[in-house]
Amino acid sequence: MRHVVFCLLLIFCVAVQASEADRLKQAGFPAQSHDLVLKNQTVLVYLWADVYAAAVYAAADTSAKAAWDQQKNLRLALYYFRDIDRNDVIKAATTTLERQQSSATLARLKPELDRLHASFRDIRSGDRYALDVRPGRGLNLEINDKVVFSSRDEELAKAYLGIWLAPKGLSDSLRNSLLN
């Protein structure tokens, strides 16, 4: 009996890996984007459903982790597999930020966070979102390759990218896959 369970688990693991590879192929992240190089990519799975593929880009001579740690040029790209209501996205972001940031930091960031969240729209399967951070320029949010929000506030850029890349974020496994 133990042998049967082991075989079933092995088959399931192979199927999951094939599924992730298929999903990443579907996302079609380019090897380069906005003068940055693709470093890592993965799929976020929530309750057995593929939600989105995520990719992180940094300079060719910099690892994703170093770019994040040293606040260098960094781009996080997301390709959505599911429709998601904008209010659900804002709620998840707010919950994560409240877990990661002090109340003083959140109070300081509130005007820019409100402006950022106002630029969100309902997500449809196939949509692409990207957070592009450049020191000195700040944060750009792109939806389907169009810049819909810009802020020069580097604290906002670090906090918002931290939803995916900092400890206590949306998913430790997602963070580890993107930064390692």
Protein backbone atom coordinates (compact mmCIF):
# COMPACT_ATOMS: atom_id res chain seq x y z
CA MET A 1 0.00 0.00 0.00
CA ARG A 2 2.81 2.39 0.86
CA HIS A 3 4.31 1.72 -2.56
CA VAL A 4 1.04 2.70 -4.29
CA VAL A 5 0.82 5.96 -2.33
CA PHE A 6 4.44 6.76 -3.15
CA CYS A 7 3.85 6.11 -6.86
CA LEU A 8 0.75 8.31 -6.86
CA LEU A 9 2.65 11.12 -5.15
CA LEU A 10 5.47 10.80 -7.66
CA ILE A 11 3.04 10.96 -10.58
CA PHE A 12 1.34 14.00 -9.01
CA CYS A 13 4.68 15.78 -8.52
CA VAL A 14 5.68 15.20 -12.15
CA ALA A 15 2.26 16.48 -13.32
CA VAL A 16 2.60 19.61 -11.17
CA GLN A 17 6.07 20.34 -12.57
CA ALA A 18 4.84 19.89 -16.13
CA SER A 19 1.94 22.19 -15.34
CA GLU A 20 4.28 24.91 -14.02
CA ALA A 21 6.46 24.63 -17.12
CA ASP A 22 3.37 24.90 -19.33
CA ARG A 23 2.13 27.92 -17.37
CA LEU A 24 5.49 29.67 -17.62
CA LYS A 25 5.51 29.00 -21.35
CA GLN A 26 2.00 30.47 -21.53
CA ALA A 27 3.19 33.59 -19.68
CA GLY A 28 5.97 33.95 -22.22
CA PHE A 29 8.26 36.20 -20.22
CA PRO A 30 10.95 37.59 -22.54
CA ALA A 31 14.64 37.04 -21.76
CA GLN A 32 15.08 40.82 -21.56
CA SER A 33 12.72 43.61 -20.61
CA HIS A 34 13.42 47.35 -20.33
CA ASP A 35 17.22 46.88 -20.37
CA LEU A 36 17.00 44.22 -17.64
CA VAL A 37 17.55 40.46 -17.84
CA LEU A 38 15.16 37.73 -16.70
CA LYS A 39 16.58 36.23 -13.50
CA ASN A 40 13.84 33.94 -12.15
CA GLN A 41 10.24 33.00 -12.76
CA THR A 42 7.62 30.93 -10.99
CA VAL A 43 3.89 30.31 -10.68
CA LEU A 44 1.82 31.35 -7.66
CA VAL A 45 -0.60 28.58 -6.73
CA TYR A 46 -3.35 29.31 -4.22
CA LEU A 47 -5.67 26.51 -3.07
CA TRP A 48 -4.59 24.31 -6.02
CA ALA A 49 -5.34 27.02 -8.58
CA ASP A 50 -2.68 28.74 -10.68
CA VAL A 51 -3.24 32.46 -10.06
CA TYR A 52 -0.37 34.10 -11.92
CA ALA A 53 3.15 33.63 -13.18
CA ALA A 54 5.75 36.00 -11.79
CA ALA A 55 9.14 36.95 -13.18
CA VAL A 56 11.88 39.16 -11.81
CA TYR A 57 14.34 41.12 -13.92
CA ALA A 58 17.59 42.84 -12.91
CA ALA A 59 20.79 44.07 -14.55
CA ALA A 60 22.82 41.37 -16.30
CA ASP A 61 25.65 41.57 -13.75
CA THR A 62 23.35 41.59 -10.68
CA SER A 63 21.39 38.75 -9.10
CA ALA A 64 17.73 39.32 -8.29
CA LYS A 65 18.52 39.09 -4.58
CA ALA A 66 21.35 41.63 -4.82
CA ALA A 67 19.17 44.01 -6.84
CA TRP A 68 16.45 43.75 -4.18
CA ASP A 69 18.82 44.01 -1.21
CA GLN A 70 20.76 46.94 -2.67
CA GLN A 71 17.69 48.70 -4.16
CA LYS A 72 19.00 48.61 -7.72
CA ASN A 73 17.01 48.50 -10.96
CA LEU A 74 14.38 45.80 -10.61
CA ARG A 75 11.26 44.73 -12.49
CA LEU A 76 8.55 42.35 -11.29
CA ALA A 77 6.27 41.11 -14.07
CA LEU A 78 3.00 39.24 -13.48
CA TYR A 79 0.91 37.31 -15.99
CA TYR A 80 -2.57 36.44 -14.69
CA PHE A 81 -4.30 33.13 -15.38
CA ARG A 82 -7.55 34.12 -13.64
CA ASP A 83 -10.00 37.00 -13.44
CA ILE A 84 -9.61 38.87 -10.13
CA ASP A 85 -11.70 41.74 -8.82
CA ARG A 86 -9.60 44.88 -8.20
CA ASN A 87 -10.99 45.16 -4.66
CA ASP A 88 -9.65 41.68 -3.85
CA VAL A 89 -6.20 42.71 -5.11
CA ILE A 90 -6.26 45.90 -3.04
CA LYS A 91 -7.42 43.97 0.04
CA ALA A 92 -4.61 41.40 -0.32
CA ALA A 93 -2.03 44.16 -0.84
CA THR A 94 -3.29 46.14 2.15
CA THR A 95 -3.32 43.07 4.41
CA THR A 96 0.24 42.22 3.41
CA LEU A 97 1.49 45.78 3.84
CA GLU A 98 -0.11 45.93 7.31
CA ARG A 99 1.76 42.74 8.22
CA GLN A 100 5.08 44.07 6.88
CA GLN A 101 5.08 47.79 7.68
CA SER A 102 4.69 49.90 10.81
CA SER A 103 1.56 52.01 11.22
CA ALA A 104 3.76 55.14 10.94
CA THR A 105 5.16 53.97 7.59
CA LEU A 106 1.68 53.13 6.30
CA ALA A 107 0.38 56.54 7.39
CA ARG A 108 3.26 58.21 5.53
CA LEU A 109 2.63 56.12 2.40
CA LYS A 110 -1.18 56.36 2.45
CA PRO A 111 -1.62 59.17 -0.11
CA GLU A 112 0.61 57.43 -2.65
CA LEU A 113 -0.88 54.00 -1.87
CA ASP A 114 -4.37 55.41 -2.45
CA ARG A 115 -3.23 56.93 -5.73
CA LEU A 116 -1.59 53.63 -6.77
CA HIS A 117 -4.68 51.59 -5.88
CA ALA A 118 -6.90 54.04 -7.77
CA SER A 119 -5.03 53.05 -10.94
CA PHE A 120 -5.97 49.38 -10.53
CA ARG A 121 -8.74 47.79 -12.57
CA ASP A 122 -10.36 44.39 -12.55
CA ILE A 123 -7.86 41.80 -13.74
CA ARG A 124 -8.77 39.54 -16.63
CA SER A 125 -7.10 36.28 -17.57
CA GLY A 126 -4.14 37.13 -19.81
CA ASP A 127 -3.51 40.57 -18.27
CA ARG A 128 0.07 41.61 -17.58
CA TYR A 129 1.03 43.83 -14.67
CA ALA A 130 4.57 45.02 -14.00
CA LEU A 131 6.20 46.97 -11.20
CA ASP A 132 9.34 48.66 -12.48
CA VAL A 133 11.66 50.32 -9.95
CA ARG A 134 14.63 52.52 -10.80
CA PRO A 135 16.60 54.43 -8.16
CA GLY A 136 16.11 58.14 -8.72
CA ARG A 137 12.97 57.59 -10.80
CA GLY A 138 10.90 55.55 -8.38
CA LEU A 139 8.06 53.18 -9.22
CA ASN A 140 6.07 52.63 -12.40
CA LEU A 141 3.04 50.35 -12.56
CA GLU A 142 2.31 49.03 -16.02
CA ILE A 143 -0.89 47.27 -17.05
CA ASN A 144 -0.64 45.48 -20.37
CA ASP A 145 2.54 47.42 -21.26
CA LYS A 146 1.01 50.85 -20.53
CA VAL A 147 2.29 52.94 -17.61
CA VAL A 148 -0.77 53.75 -15.48
CA PHE A 149 0.98 55.00 -12.35
CA SER A 150 4.31 56.64 -11.51
CA SER A 151 5.75 57.77 -8.21
CA ARG A 152 9.17 59.12 -7.31
CA ASP A 153 8.65 57.89 -3.72
CA GLU A 154 11.36 55.24 -3.28
CA GLU A 155 9.92 54.18 0.09
CA LEU A 156 6.65 53.35 -1.69
CA ALA A 157 8.59 51.41 -4.35
CA LYS A 158 10.41 49.33 -1.75
CA ALA A 159 7.26 48.70 0.32
CA TYR A 160 5.12 47.74 -2.67
CA LEU A 161 7.66 45.42 -4.26
CA GLY A 162 8.08 44.00 -0.77
CA ILE A 163 4.60 42.52 -1.03
CA TRP A 164 6.25 39.88 -3.24
CA LEU A 165 9.94 40.12 -2.33
CA ALA A 166 10.20 40.96 1.40
CA PRO A 167 9.69 38.62 4.37
CA LYS A 168 6.08 38.17 5.54
CA GLY A 169 4.87 38.81 2.00
CA LEU A 170 2.21 37.07 -0.06
CA SER A 171 4.14 33.79 -0.30
CA ASP A 172 7.48 32.67 1.09
CA SER A 173 7.86 30.08 -1.66
CA LEU A 174 7.17 32.70 -4.35
CA ARG A 175 9.70 35.08 -2.74
CA ASN A 176 12.34 32.33 -2.50
CA SER A 177 11.80 31.24 -6.09
CA LEU A 178 12.11 34.80 -7.39
CA LEU A 179 15.14 35.79 -5.33
CA ASN A 180 17.22 32.59 -5.42
